[in-house]
Each structure stands twice: as structure tokens, then as C-alpha cells.
C-alpha atoms as a PDB file:
ATOM      1  CA  MET A   1       0.000   0.000   0.000  1.00  0.00           C
ATOM      2  CA  ALA A   2       3.033   2.283   0.091  1.00  0.00           C
ATOM      3  CA  GLN A   3       2.351   3.397  -3.477  1.00  0.00           C
ATOM      4  CA  ALA A   4      -1.311   4.334  -2.864  1.00  0.00           C
ATOM      5  CA  ALA A   5      -0.609   7.915  -1.779  1.00  0.00           C
ATOM      6  CA  PRO A   6       1.320   9.006  -4.903  1.00  0.00           C
ATOM      7  CA  LEU A   7      -1.427   7.604  -7.154  1.00  0.00           C
ATOM      8  CA  LYS A   8      -4.179   9.609  -5.449  1.00  0.00           C
ATOM      9  CA  LYS A   9      -3.185  12.843  -7.173  1.00  0.00           C
ATOM     10  CA  TYR A  10      -4.077  11.385 -10.561  1.00  0.00           C
ATOM     11  CA  GLY A  11      -7.481  10.056  -9.592  1.00  0.00           C
ATOM     12  CA  LYS A  12      -8.905   6.648 -10.416  1.00  0.00           C
ATOM     13  CA  PRO A  13     -10.719   7.707 -13.641  1.00  0.00           C
ATOM     14  CA  LEU A  14      -7.509   8.987 -15.249  1.00  0.00           C
ATOM     15  CA  LEU A  15      -5.477   5.983 -14.136  1.00  0.00           C
ATOM     16  CA  HIS A  16      -8.039   3.558 -15.532  1.00  0.00           C
ATOM     17  CA  ARG A  17      -8.195   5.555 -18.775  1.00  0.00           C
ATOM     18  CA  LEU A  18      -4.424   5.371 -19.165  1.00  0.00           C
ATOM     19  CA  LEU A  19      -4.460   1.617 -18.571  1.00  0.00           C
ATOM     20  CA  ARG A  20      -7.353   1.087 -20.959  1.00  0.00           C
ATOM     21  CA  GLN A  21      -5.734   3.120 -23.748  1.00  0.00           C
ATOM     22  CA  MET A  22      -2.430   1.275 -23.457  1.00  0.00           C
ATOM     23  CA  LEU A  23      -4.267  -2.026 -23.440  1.00  0.00           C
ATOM     24  CA  LEU A  24      -6.335  -1.057 -26.496  1.00  0.00           C
ATOM     25  CA  ILE A  25      -3.189  -0.118 -28.424  1.00  0.00           C
ATOM     26  CA  ARG A  26      -1.517  -3.407 -27.442  1.00  0.00           C
ATOM     27  CA  VAL A  27      -4.511  -5.525 -28.482  1.00  0.00           C
ATOM     28  CA  PHE A  28      -4.985  -3.513 -31.683  1.00  0.00           C
ATOM     29  CA  GLU A  29      -1.317  -3.821 -32.660  1.00  0.00           C
ATOM     30  CA  GLU A  30      -1.176  -7.543 -31.947  1.00  0.00           C
ATOM     31  CA  ARG A  31      -4.206  -7.989 -34.193  1.00  0.00           C
ATOM     32  CA  CYS A  32      -2.512  -5.898 -36.887  1.00  0.00           C
ATOM     33  CA  ALA A  33       0.446  -8.268 -36.781  1.00  0.00           C
ATOM     34  CA  GLN A  34      -1.907 -11.222 -37.319  1.00  0.00           C
ATOM     35  CA  LEU A  35      -3.759  -9.497 -40.141  1.00  0.00           C
ATOM     36  CA  TYR A  36      -0.503  -8.539 -41.845  1.00  0.00           C
ATOM     37  CA  GLY A  37       0.480 -12.207 -41.809  1.00  0.00           C
ATOM     38  CA  LEU A  38      -2.875 -12.996 -43.431  1.00  0.00           C
ATOM     39  CA  ARG A  39      -2.199 -10.300 -46.067  1.00  0.00           C
ATOM     40  CA  LYS A  40      -5.242  -8.300 -45.041  1.00  0.00           C
ATOM     41  CA  ILE A  41      -2.855  -5.398 -44.368  1.00  0.00           C
ATOM     42  CA  GLY A  42      -0.122  -4.628 -46.862  1.00  0.00           C
ATOM     43  CA  GLY A  43       2.669  -2.160 -47.453  1.00  0.00           C
ATOM     44  CA  PHE A  44       4.756  -0.674 -44.672  1.00  0.00           C
ATOM     45  CA  CYS A  45       3.566  -1.365 -41.145  1.00  0.00           C
ATOM     46  CA  HIS A  46       5.434  -0.264 -37.998  1.00  0.00           C
ATOM     47  CA  LEU A  47       3.947  -1.532 -34.748  1.00  0.00           C
ATOM     48  CA  TYR A  48       3.961   0.336 -31.432  1.00  0.00           C
ATOM     49  CA  ILE A  49       4.098  -2.682 -29.105  1.00  0.00           C
ATOM     50  CA  GLY A  50       6.143  -1.771 -26.017  1.00  0.00           C
ATOM     51  CA  GLN A  51       6.005   1.996 -26.542  1.00  0.00           C
ATOM     52  CA  GLU A  52       2.372   2.521 -25.493  1.00  0.00           C
ATOM     53  CA  ALA A  53       3.177   4.594 -22.401  1.00  0.00           C
ATOM     54  CA  VAL A  54       4.762   7.355 -24.490  1.00  0.00           C
ATOM     55  CA  ALA A  55       1.770   8.254 -26.666  1.00  0.00           C
ATOM     56  CA  VAL A  56      -0.815   7.548 -23.971  1.00  0.00           C
ATOM     57  CA  GLY A  57       0.902   9.400 -21.136  1.00  0.00           C
ATOM     58  CA  SER A  58       1.862  12.439 -23.210  1.00  0.00           C
ATOM     59  CA  ILE A  59      -1.422  12.920 -25.050  1.00  0.00           C
ATOM     60  CA  ALA A  60      -3.384  12.544 -21.808  1.00  0.00           C
ATOM     61  CA  ALA A  61      -1.410  15.512 -20.477  1.00  0.00           C
ATOM     62  CA  ILE A  62      -2.670  17.953 -23.137  1.00  0.00           C
ATOM     63  CA  ASP A  63      -6.046  19.266 -24.337  1.00  0.00           C
ATOM     64  CA  LEU A  64      -6.879  18.181 -27.866  1.00  0.00           C
ATOM     65  CA  THR A  65      -9.488  20.908 -28.249  1.00  0.00           C
ATOM     66  CA  THR A  66      -6.604  23.406 -28.419  1.00  0.00           C
ATOM     67  CA  ASP A  67      -3.439  21.307 -28.793  1.00  0.00           C
ATOM     68  CA  TYR A  68      -2.001  19.321 -31.709  1.00  0.00           C
ATOM     69  CA  VAL A  69      -0.132  16.068 -32.329  1.00  0.00           C
ATOM     70  CA  LEU A  70       2.224  15.248 -35.203  1.00  0.00           C
ATOM     71  CA  THR A  71       4.305  12.101 -35.441  1.00  0.00           C
ATOM     72  CA  GLY A  72       6.241   9.793 -37.737  1.00  0.00           C
ATOM     73  CA  TYR A  73       5.342   6.536 -39.414  1.00  0.00           C
ATOM     74  CA  ARG A  74       4.957   4.475 -36.189  1.00  0.00           C
ATOM     75  CA  ASP A  75       1.668   6.240 -35.585  1.00  0.00           C
ATOM     76  CA  HIS A  76      -1.051   3.726 -34.686  1.00  0.00           C
ATOM     77  CA  GLY A  77      -0.607   4.333 -30.955  1.00  0.00           C
ATOM     78  CA  HIS A  78      -0.769   8.119 -31.284  1.00  0.00           C
ATOM     79  CA  ALA A  79      -3.911   7.878 -33.414  1.00  0.00           C
ATOM     80  CA  LEU A  80      -5.735   5.748 -30.870  1.00  0.00           C
ATOM     81  CA  ALA A  81      -4.473   7.843 -27.943  1.00  0.00           C
ATOM     82  CA  CYS A  82      -5.918  10.917 -29.685  1.00  0.00           C
ATOM     83  CA  GLY A  83      -9.301   9.191 -29.654  1.00  0.00           C
ATOM     84  CA  MET A  84      -9.456   8.335 -33.340  1.00  0.00           C
ATOM     85  CA  ASP A  85     -12.049   5.730 -34.243  1.00  0.00           C
ATOM     86  CA  PRO A  86     -10.372   2.273 -34.269  1.00  0.00           C
ATOM     87  CA  GLY A  87     -12.651   1.300 -37.153  1.00  0.00           C
ATOM     88  CA  ALA A  88     -11.428   4.190 -39.298  1.00  0.00           C
ATOM     89  CA  VAL A  89      -7.828   3.361 -38.390  1.00  0.00           C
ATOM     90  CA  MET A  90      -8.226  -0.319 -39.222  1.00  0.00           C
ATOM     91  CA  ALA A  91     -10.049   0.492 -42.461  1.00  0.00           C
ATOM     92  CA  GLU A  92      -7.123   2.718 -43.443  1.00  0.00           C
ATOM     93  CA  LEU A  93      -4.725  -0.155 -42.814  1.00  0.00           C
ATOM     94  CA  PHE A  94      -6.948  -2.305 -45.041  1.00  0.00           C
ATOM     95  CA  GLY A  95      -6.862   0.397 -47.759  1.00  0.00           C
ATOM     96  CA  LYS A  96     -10.623   0.896 -47.607  1.00  0.00           C
ATOM     97  CA  ALA A  97     -12.589   4.003 -48.568  1.00  0.00           C
ATOM     98  CA  THR A  98     -13.881   4.371 -45.000  1.00  0.00           C
ATOM     99  CA  GLY A  99     -10.330   4.746 -43.675  1.00  0.00           C
ATOM    100  CA  CYS A 100      -9.279   7.967 -41.988  1.00  0.00           C
ATOM    101  CA  SER A 101      -7.264   8.916 -45.100  1.00  0.00           C
ATOM    102  CA  ARG A 102      -9.792   7.358 -47.509  1.00  0.00           C
ATOM    103  CA  GLY A 103      -7.619   4.279 -47.874  1.00  0.00           C
ATOM    104  CA  LYS A 104      -4.852   6.227 -49.605  1.00  0.00           C
ATOM    105  CA  GLY A 105      -2.380   6.719 -46.772  1.00  0.00           C
ATOM    106  CA  GLY A 106      -2.169   3.369 -45.063  1.00  0.00           C
ATOM    107  CA  SER A 107      -0.271   2.653 -41.875  1.00  0.00           C
ATOM    108  CA  MET A 108       2.121   5.611 -42.045  1.00  0.00           C
ATOM    109  CA  HIS A 109      -0.421   8.342 -42.772  1.00  0.00           C
ATOM    110  CA  LEU A 110      -3.167   8.195 -40.158  1.00  0.00           C
ATOM    111  CA  PHE A 111      -4.842  11.589 -39.900  1.00  0.00           C
ATOM    112  CA  ASP A 112      -7.822  13.227 -38.211  1.00  0.00           C
ATOM    113  CA  PRO A 113      -7.961  17.043 -38.162  1.00  0.00           C
ATOM    114  CA  GLY A 114     -11.076  16.946 -35.979  1.00  0.00           C
ATOM    115  CA  LYS A 115      -9.041  15.227 -33.263  1.00  0.00           C
ATOM    116  CA  HIS A 116      -6.062  17.571 -33.917  1.00  0.00           C
ATOM    117  CA  MET A 117      -4.024  14.537 -34.977  1.00  0.00           C
ATOM    118  CA  LEU A 118      -2.218  16.049 -37.963  1.00  0.00           C
ATOM    119  CA  GLY A 119      -0.652  12.934 -39.203  1.00  0.00           C
ATOM    120  CA  GLY A 120       1.790  10.222 -39.228  1.00  0.00           C
ATOM    121  CA  ASN A 121       4.498  11.038 -41.772  1.00  0.00           C
ATOM    122  CA  GLY A 122       6.464   8.522 -43.788  1.00  0.00           C
ATOM    123  CA  ILE A 123       9.745  10.389 -44.265  1.00  0.00           C
ATOM    124  CA  VAL A 124      12.143  10.351 -41.309  1.00  0.00           C
ATOM    125  CA  SER A 125      12.059  13.720 -39.477  1.00  0.00           C
ATOM    126  CA  SER A 126       9.691  15.317 -42.027  1.00  0.00           C
ATOM    127  CA  GLN A 127       7.069  15.902 -39.344  1.00  0.00           C
ATOM    128  CA  ILE A 128       9.398  17.996 -37.147  1.00  0.00           C
ATOM    129  CA  PRO A 129       9.441  21.179 -39.284  1.00  0.00           C
ATOM    130  CA  VAL A 130       5.734  20.704 -40.046  1.00  0.00           C
ATOM    131  CA  ALA A 131       4.992  20.579 -36.311  1.00  0.00           C
ATOM    132  CA  THR A 132       7.156  23.659 -35.840  1.00  0.00           C
ATOM    133  CA  GLY A 133       5.060  25.415 -38.470  1.00  0.00           C
ATOM    134  CA  VAL A 134       1.873  24.429 -36.666  1.00  0.00           C
ATOM    135  CA  ALA A 135       3.309  25.906 -33.461  1.00  0.00           C
ATOM    136  CA  LEU A 136       4.105  29.112 -35.363  1.00  0.00           C
ATOM    137  CA  ALA A 137       0.491  29.245 -36.589  1.00  0.00           C
ATOM    138  CA  VAL A 138      -0.783  28.750 -33.042  1.00  0.00           C
ATOM    139  CA  LYS A 139       1.333  31.662 -31.818  1.00  0.00           C
ATOM    140  CA  TYR A 140       0.480  33.856 -34.810  1.00  0.00           C
ATOM    141  CA  ARG A 141      -3.251  33.414 -34.181  1.00  0.00           C
ATOM    142  CA  GLY A 142      -2.864  34.073 -30.470  1.00  0.00           C
ATOM    143  CA  ASP A 143      -4.302  30.669 -29.540  1.00  0.00           C
ATOM    144  CA  ARG A 144      -3.567  28.844 -26.284  1.00  0.00           C
ATOM    145  CA  GLY A 145      -2.489  25.659 -27.999  1.00  0.00           C
ATOM    146  CA  VAL A 146       0.616  23.508 -27.618  1.00  0.00           C
ATOM    147  CA  VAL A 147       2.095  21.158 -30.233  1.00  0.00           C
ATOM    148  CA  LEU A 148       3.591  17.754 -29.459  1.00  0.00           C
ATOM    149  CA  SER A 149       6.117  16.694 -32.087  1.00  0.00           C
ATOM    150  CA  TYR A 150       7.142  13.008 -31.921  1.00  0.00           C
ATOM    151  CA  PHE A 151      10.056  11.363 -33.704  1.00  0.00           C
ATOM    152  CA  GLY A 152      12.388   8.415 -33.227  1.00  0.00           C
ATOM    153  CA  ASP A 153      16.052   8.313 -32.269  1.00  0.00           C
ATOM    154  CA  GLY A 154      16.855   7.762 -35.949  1.00  0.00           C
ATOM    155  CA  ALA A 155      15.634  11.300 -36.725  1.00  0.00           C
ATOM    156  CA  ILE A 156      17.937  13.026 -34.239  1.00  0.00           C
ATOM    157  CA  HIS A 157      20.801  13.518 -36.699  1.00  0.00           C
ATOM    158  CA  GLN A 158      18.633  14.898 -39.488  1.00  0.00           C
ATOM    159  CA  GLY A 159      19.055  18.584 -40.241  1.00  0.00           C
ATOM    160  CA  ALA A 160      15.301  19.141 -39.919  1.00  0.00           C
ATOM    161  CA  PHE A 161      15.528  18.399 -36.180  1.00  0.00           C
ATOM    162  CA  HIS A 162      18.287  20.929 -35.542  1.00  0.00           C
ATOM    163  CA  GLU A 163      16.822  23.637 -37.753  1.00  0.00           C
ATOM    164  CA  SER A 164      13.428  23.265 -36.117  1.00  0.00           C
ATOM    165  CA  LEU A 165      14.737  23.553 -32.563  1.00  0.00           C
ATOM    166  CA  ASN A 166      16.716  26.635 -33.527  1.00  0.00           C
ATOM    167  CA  LEU A 167      13.652  28.359 -35.008  1.00  0.00           C
ATOM    168  CA  ALA A 168      11.430  27.289 -32.114  1.00  0.00           C
ATOM    169  CA  LYS A 169      13.733  29.026 -29.664  1.00  0.00           C
ATOM    170  CA  ILE A 170      14.219  32.144 -31.793  1.00  0.00           C
ATOM    171  CA  TRP A 171      10.456  32.531 -32.179  1.00  0.00           C
ATOM    172  CA  ASP A 172       9.492  31.261 -28.668  1.00  0.00           C
ATOM    173  CA  LEU A 173       7.094  28.686 -30.065  1.00  0.00           C
ATOM    174  CA  PRO A 174       4.680  26.613 -27.919  1.00  0.00           C
ATOM    175  CA  ILE A 175       6.013  23.182 -28.852  1.00  0.00           C
ATOM    176  CA  VAL A 176       7.324  20.109 -27.040  1.00  0.00           C
ATOM    177  CA  TYR A 177       9.707  17.963 -29.084  1.00  0.00           C
ATOM    178  CA  ILE A 178       9.548  14.312 -28.028  1.00  0.00           C
ATOM    179  CA  CYS A 179      12.218  11.837 -29.098  1.00  0.00           C
ATOM    180  CA  GLU A 180      10.880   8.308 -28.609  1.00  0.00           C
ATOM    181  CA  ASN A 181      14.226   6.602 -28.146  1.00  0.00           C
ATOM    182  CA  ASN A 182      13.379   2.923 -28.585  1.00  0.00           C
ATOM    183  CA  GLN A 183      17.111   2.101 -28.740  1.00  0.00           C
ATOM    184  CA  TYR A 184      17.286   1.210 -32.436  1.00  0.00           C
ATOM    185  CA  GLY A 185      17.219   3.231 -35.640  1.00  0.00           C
ATOM    186  CA  MET A 186      15.865   0.450 -37.852  1.00  0.00           C
ATOM    187  CA  GLY A 187      18.389  -2.277 -36.964  1.00  0.00           C
ATOM    188  CA  THR A 188      21.206  -0.109 -35.592  1.00  0.00           C
ATOM    189  CA  ASP A 189      21.782   0.508 -31.892  1.00  0.00           C
ATOM    190  CA  PHE A 190      21.598   4.279 -31.447  1.00  0.00           C
ATOM    191  CA  ARG A 191      24.881   4.262 -29.489  1.00  0.00           C
ATOM    192  CA  ARG A 192      26.763   3.112 -32.598  1.00  0.00           C
ATOM    193  CA  VAL A 193      25.795   6.148 -34.656  1.00  0.00           C
ATOM    194  CA  SER A 194      25.701   9.013 -32.177  1.00  0.00           C
ATOM    195  CA  SER A 195      28.696  10.755 -30.614  1.00  0.00           C
ATOM    196  CA  VAL A 196      26.299  11.986 -27.899  1.00  0.00           C
ATOM    197  CA  THR A 197      24.166   9.237 -26.367  1.00  0.00           C
ATOM    198  CA  ASP A 198      22.279  11.471 -23.929  1.00  0.00           C
ATOM    199  CA  PHE A 199      20.034  13.055 -26.547  1.00  0.00           C
ATOM    200  CA  SER A 200      18.391  15.335 -23.987  1.00  0.00           C
ATOM    201  CA  ALA A 201      21.608  17.378 -23.951  1.00  0.00           C
ATOM    202  CA  MET A 202      21.056  18.392 -27.573  1.00  0.00           C
ATOM    203  CA  GLY A 203      18.413  20.938 -26.658  1.00  0.00           C
ATOM    204  CA  ALA A 204      21.062  23.001 -24.854  1.00  0.00           C
ATOM    205  CA  SER A 205      22.677  23.887 -28.186  1.00  0.00           C
ATOM    206  CA  TYR A 206      19.602  25.975 -28.939  1.00  0.00           C
ATOM    207  CA  GLY A 207      18.832  27.225 -25.436  1.00  0.00           C
ATOM    208  CA  ILE A 208      16.041  24.700 -25.010  1.00  0.00           C
ATOM    209  CA  ALA A 209      15.662  22.764 -21.770  1.00  0.00           C
ATOM    210  CA  GLY A 210      16.008  19.019 -22.241  1.00  0.00           C
ATOM    211  CA  ARG A 211      15.504  16.020 -19.994  1.00  0.00           C
ATOM    212  CA  GLN A 212      15.320  12.248 -20.108  1.00  0.00           C
ATOM    213  CA  VAL A 213      12.104  10.476 -19.124  1.00  0.00           C
ATOM    214  CA  ASN A 214      11.365   6.824 -18.350  1.00  0.00           C
ATOM    215  CA  GLY A 215       9.094   5.897 -21.229  1.00  0.00           C
ATOM    216  CA  MET A 216       8.072   2.583 -19.677  1.00  0.00           C
ATOM    217  CA  ASP A 217       6.263   4.463 -16.882  1.00  0.00           C
ATOM    218  CA  VAL A 218       3.120   6.145 -18.201  1.00  0.00           C
ATOM    219  CA  LEU A 219       2.841   8.381 -15.130  1.00  0.00           C
ATOM    220  CA  ALA A 220       6.421   9.624 -15.492  1.00  0.00           C
ATOM    221  CA  VAL A 221       5.605  10.505 -19.116  1.00  0.00           C
ATOM    222  CA  TYR A 222       2.354  12.212 -18.098  1.00  0.00           C
ATOM    223  CA  ASP A 223       4.081  14.361 -15.473  1.00  0.00           C
ATOM    224  CA  ALA A 224       6.999  15.338 -17.716  1.00  0.00           C
ATOM    225  CA  VAL A 225       4.807  16.347 -20.652  1.00  0.00           C
ATOM    226  CA  ALA A 226       2.280  18.150 -18.450  1.00  0.00           C
ATOM    227  CA  GLY A 227       5.085  20.283 -17.024  1.00  0.00           C
ATOM    228  CA  ALA A 228       6.721  20.957 -20.376  1.00  0.00           C
ATOM    229  CA  ALA A 229       3.402  21.770 -22.058  1.00  0.00           C
ATOM    230  CA  ALA A 230       2.486  24.248 -19.311  1.00  0.00           C
ATOM    231  CA  LEU A 231       5.733  26.168 -19.834  1.00  0.00           C
ATOM    232  CA  ALA A 232       5.308  26.101 -23.604  1.00  0.00           C
ATOM    233  CA  ARG A 233       1.708  27.301 -23.343  1.00  0.00           C
ATOM    234  CA  ASP A 234       2.146  29.981 -20.687  1.00  0.00           C
ATOM    235  CA  LYS A 235       5.639  31.297 -21.384  1.00  0.00           C
ATOM    236  CA  GLY A 236       6.428  30.296 -24.963  1.00  0.00           C
ATOM    237  CA  LEU A 237       9.259  28.068 -23.832  1.00  0.00           C
ATOM    238  CA  PRO A 238       9.808  25.153 -26.230  1.00  0.00           C
ATOM    239  CA  ALA A 239      11.015  21.924 -24.614  1.00  0.00           C
ATOM    240  CA  PHE A 240      12.804  18.757 -25.667  1.00  0.00           C
ATOM    241  CA  LEU A 241      12.159  15.406 -24.007  1.00  0.00           C
ATOM    242  CA  GLU A 242      14.090  12.223 -24.711  1.00  0.00           C
ATOM    243  CA  ILE A 243      11.665   9.513 -23.647  1.00  0.00           C
ATOM    244  CA  LYS A 244      13.515   6.214 -23.290  1.00  0.00           C
ATOM    245  CA  THR A 245      11.340   3.321 -24.416  1.00  0.00           C
ATOM    246  CA  TYR A 246      11.634  -0.026 -26.210  1.00  0.00           C
ATOM    247  CA  ARG A 247       9.870  -1.804 -29.047  1.00  0.00           C
ATOM    248  CA  TYR A 248       9.383  -5.537 -28.631  1.00  0.00           C
ATOM    249  CA  ARG A 249       8.920  -6.152 -32.350  1.00  0.00           C
ATOM    250  CA  GLY A 250      11.194  -5.431 -35.283  1.00  0.00           C
ATOM    251  CA  HIS A 251      11.423  -2.018 -36.893  1.00  0.00           C
ATOM    252  CA  SER A 252       8.615  -2.992 -39.257  1.00  0.00           C
ATOM    253  CA  MET A 253       6.724  -6.157 -40.109  1.00  0.00           C
ATOM    254  CA  SER A 254       9.485  -7.100 -42.570  1.00  0.00           C
ATOM    255  CA  ASP A 255      12.179  -6.961 -39.863  1.00  0.00           C
ATOM    256  CA  PRO A 256      12.925 -10.233 -37.983  1.00  0.00           C
ATOM    257  CA  ALA A 257      15.007  -8.229 -35.446  1.00  0.00           C
ATOM    258  CA  LYS A 258      17.915 -10.696 -35.408  1.00  0.00           C
ATOM    259  CA  TYR A 259      20.265  -7.928 -34.259  1.00  0.00           C
ATOM    260  CA  ARG A 260      18.926  -8.347 -30.685  1.00  0.00           C
ATOM    261  CA  SER A 261      19.239 -11.257 -28.290  1.00  0.00           C
ATOM    262  CA  LYS A 262      16.171 -12.932 -26.797  1.00  0.00           C
ATOM    263  CA  GLU A 263      17.597 -12.105 -23.384  1.00  0.00           C
ATOM    264  CA  GLU A 264      17.627  -8.385 -24.175  1.00  0.00           C
ATOM    265  CA  VAL A 265      14.014  -8.396 -25.307  1.00  0.00           C
ATOM    266  CA  GLU A 266      12.895 -10.414 -22.286  1.00  0.00           C
ATOM    267  CA  GLU A 267      14.702  -8.032 -19.949  1.00  0.00           C
ATOM    268  CA  HIS A 268      12.735  -5.124 -21.378  1.00  0.00           C
ATOM    269  CA  ARG A 269       9.488  -7.114 -21.312  1.00  0.00           C
ATOM    270  CA  ARG A 270       9.852  -7.213 -17.535  1.00  0.00           C
ATOM    271  CA  GLN A 271       9.475  -3.418 -17.678  1.00  0.00           C
ATOM    272  CA  ASP A 272       6.271  -3.611 -19.706  1.00  0.00           C
ATOM    273  CA  PRO A 273       4.368  -0.316 -19.201  1.00  0.00           C
ATOM    274  CA  ILE A 274       0.990  -2.057 -19.021  1.00  0.00           C
ATOM    275  CA  LEU A 275       2.147  -4.541 -16.385  1.00  0.00           C
ATOM    276  CA  ILE A 276       3.820  -1.768 -14.370  1.00  0.00           C
ATOM    277  CA  LEU A 277       0.665   0.372 -14.170  1.00  0.00           C
ATOM    278  CA  ARG A 278      -1.544  -2.650 -13.534  1.00  0.00           C
ATOM    279  CA  ALA A 279       0.665  -3.757 -10.632  1.00  0.00           C
ATOM    280  CA  ARG A 280       0.717  -0.273  -9.107  1.00  0.00           C
ATOM    281  CA  LEU A 281      -3.065   0.003  -9.281  1.00  0.00           C
ATOM    282  CA  GLU A 282      -3.552  -3.457  -7.780  1.00  0.00           C
ATOM    283  CA  ASP A 283      -1.102  -2.709  -4.964  1.00  0.00           C
ATOM    284  CA  ALA A 284      -2.960   0.532  -4.249  1.00  0.00           C
ATOM    285  CA  GLY A 285      -6.321  -1.245  -4.133  1.00  0.00           C
ATOM    286  CA  MET A 286      -7.518   0.690  -7.181  1.00  0.00           C
ATOM    287  CA  LEU A 287      -7.859  -2.262  -9.561  1.00  0.00           C
ATOM    288  CA  ALA A 288      -9.228  -5.770  -9.040  1.00  0.00           C
ATOM    289  CA  ALA A 289      -8.534  -8.774 -11.252  1.00  0.00           C
ATOM    290  CA  ASP A 290     -12.106  -8.587 -12.532  1.00  0.00           C
ATOM    291  CA  ASP A 291     -11.621  -4.906 -13.442  1.00  0.00           C
ATOM    292  CA  TYR A 292      -8.581  -5.730 -15.564  1.00  0.00           C
ATOM    293  CA  ALA A 293     -10.349  -8.649 -17.244  1.00  0.00           C
ATOM    294  CA  ALA A 294     -13.284  -6.379 -18.088  1.00  0.00           C
ATOM    295  CA  LEU A 295     -10.945  -3.735 -19.556  1.00  0.00           C
ATOM    296  CA  GLU A 296      -9.192  -6.357 -21.659  1.00  0.00           C
ATOM    297  CA  GLU A 297     -12.508  -7.769 -22.865  1.00  0.00           C
ATOM    298  CA  LYS A 298     -13.669  -4.302 -23.973  1.00  0.00           C
ATOM    299  CA  CYS A 299     -10.434  -3.722 -25.865  1.00  0.00           C
ATOM    300  CA  VAL A 300     -10.710  -7.071 -27.646  1.00  0.00           C
ATOM    301  CA  LYS A 301     -14.322  -6.325 -28.628  1.00  0.00           C
ATOM    302  CA  GLU A 302     -13.421  -2.838 -29.831  1.00  0.00           C
ATOM    303  CA  THR A 303     -10.666  -4.321 -31.976  1.00  0.00           C
ATOM    304  CA  ASP A 304     -12.957  -7.083 -33.258  1.00  0.00           C
ATOM    305  CA  ASP A 305     -15.521  -4.446 -34.217  1.00  0.00           C
ATOM    306  CA  ALA A 306     -12.820  -2.415 -35.988  1.00  0.00           C
ATOM    307  CA  VAL A 307     -11.746  -5.447 -38.028  1.00  0.00           C
ATOM    308  CA  ALA A 308     -15.345  -6.272 -38.925  1.00  0.00           C
ATOM    309  CA  PHE A 309     -15.910  -2.672 -40.031  1.00  0.00           C
ATOM    310  CA  ALA A 310     -12.804  -2.761 -42.209  1.00  0.00           C
ATOM    311  CA  GLU A 311     -13.747  -6.121 -43.699  1.00  0.00           C
ATOM    312  CA  ARG A 312     -17.205  -4.979 -44.799  1.00  0.00           C
ATOM    313  CA  SER A 313     -16.072  -1.552 -46.057  1.00  0.00           C
ATOM    314  CA  ALA A 314     -15.774  -0.877 -49.779  1.00  0.00           C
ATOM    315  CA  ASP A 315     -12.557  -0.362 -51.670  1.00  0.00           C
ATOM    316  CA  PRO A 316     -11.946   3.176 -52.958  1.00  0.00           C
ATOM    317  CA  ALA A 317     -13.683   3.806 -56.283  1.00  0.00           C
ATOM    318  CA  LEU A 318     -11.373   3.922 -59.286  1.00  0.00           C
ATOM    319  CA  GLU A 319     -12.381   7.502 -60.127  1.00  0.00           C
ATOM    320  CA  THR A 320     -11.061   8.713 -56.744  1.00  0.00           C
ATOM    321  CA  LEU A 321      -7.516   7.698 -57.652  1.00  0.00           C
ATOM    322  CA  PHE A 322      -6.342  11.236 -58.400  1.00  0.00           C
ATOM    323  CA  GLU A 323      -8.550  13.080 -55.903  1.00  0.00           C
ATOM    324  CA  ASP A 324      -6.808  14.940 -53.062  1.00  0.00           C
ATOM    325  CA  VAL A 325      -3.485  14.722 -54.917  1.00  0.00           C
ATOM    326  CA  LEU A 326      -1.603  17.979 -55.387  1.00  0.00           C
ATOM    327  CA  ALA A 327       0.067  18.438 -58.775  1.00  0.00           C
END
């Protein structure tokens, strides 16, 4: 019961919502892996299994009526955490007309402007300057919004990252840059390709405060982003967070991940963000076994319903092939 007191400040509804969202993403992603194997889903597909605490904890800390989210190609978790309809997400993965991008974007281009989820982006680091532009628009209009810009450790050495942080500081933009360091840029350990392995220090080059966060603890993520977003919103102070996390699967569905040992993966599985929050809630008397089973059952049904919706949806009509394409 020693952990009960710290959990009280969050409140049971929020804690259960965080657990449910992480569980939904996990169930949804595991089903995506199955459906990819059955060739129901094609093309590129990057799963979020293991990283759920990052998207869930950070997005719960902002207000999506005023704030915005932009991320890279590993975007299923962010889409669901933003409250996007799982059916529309699954239909997009199936390439169906009822998908959130009309079946034209697929896994890497989930998008819902109504939810202020301005996209997954397929090109490494391409979303960072776009997010910076959104933050500039927010400031220009005099809104109270904050932008969360997500990217992987593989994007850190791209010029777009450095140029964006420089501009964000010069213009005092309301943006929080979030590096989801899952330890590997595709199949390469990030320590092999970076002369600086504490990425949070990179913000200092541009006068931006940086810090590392335990990305396997959804509450640590929530607290860090809530604090950074408040400073960005109220004082125009951009922030940079390196959130240390881990993906249990390969870089994409085509990656067998043979560059890692089974022992390494199992070690990180013992830090599973879902199991950590579940254990804390059970120890605090805020979650019973039946509660968890009911949450899991709801997530399975929601995913089943999403698959059924995608299955019965129509393919895009041939005449829509060139619609929404800029030339």
C-alpha cells in the first residue's frame, strides 16, 4: 500500500483511462500483426508494441481541443491515444474508402484534423518542421495551444531536427519535441551512430531545456509532458524530451530483429508499461482482477468491431484515384 498515496493525485478515472488506452493499443497492434500475416494489411507497417506509455501518457497531459499532435510513421498508438475511431484506423490499414485517409495513406499516414491529430508522416524527421510550423500558426493566431512533435532516435541527426529547434527558440514557439528513443534506428543501436548518447543534452545547443524520461512508466511521461506543455503554453518556452522506451517487435513487419538477443528483449518485457501500471493500481487497491479482465474484454471487442468494419467496407472507387493529390 506504500504506493497508494502518490497515485491519489491522478485520480482513479484517469489511471483507468491510461491503462485502458495502453491495453487497447496493445490488443490492436497484436491484431494488426496477425492481419498482416494474413495479407489483409499490406505495405509498410510499424507496430507500437512496447512503446504505449509514451503516446498515452503524453497525449493525456494535453487538451486536444486546443493542442495538436504530429508524429512519424509508427503512428497507430498516437492515433488511438488521440481518440481516433479504431474502425477508421483499421479500415485505413486495409486500404478501404472508410479509412481515416480514404484508404490512400495506409499505416504511415493516419490523420484526423477533428481530433487535432495532424498525421503520421512517412519520411524520417519530415514531421518535425511541419509541427514547428503548426506551433508558429498557433502563436500567430494568439491561440492557447501547444504542439507535441514526436520522432524516433533515428531522426535526431537529421538537419530538420536541428533547424526546427533553432527556429522554435528564436520565435518562442509553444512546442514540445519528443524523441521516442526505442534504442534502435531500424536495426542499428543508437549508441553506434551518435557521438552523444544522452540526446536530452542536444536541446542546450539551442537554449532549449532538455531532460530524459522513463518511457516505460506512463505516469512519469504524463508528469513530464504536463510540465513541459504548461511552460510552452504559458511562457512560450519550447522543450525537448528524450523519452527512453523499447519496441518488442522489429522495426517494421518485414524486420525479424535478429540484431537483438532474446535475453535483451525479455529483460525489457519485464518493464512492460501495461504490467507496471496494472501492478501499481492493484497494490494501491484501485484495480481488481475482474476490473482488468473487463478492460481487456472491452479492448478485444473494440478491436474485433474495428476489423469487422474494415472487412465490410468498400474499396476506394477507381475515379477517386487522383482526388486529393496535389500536382
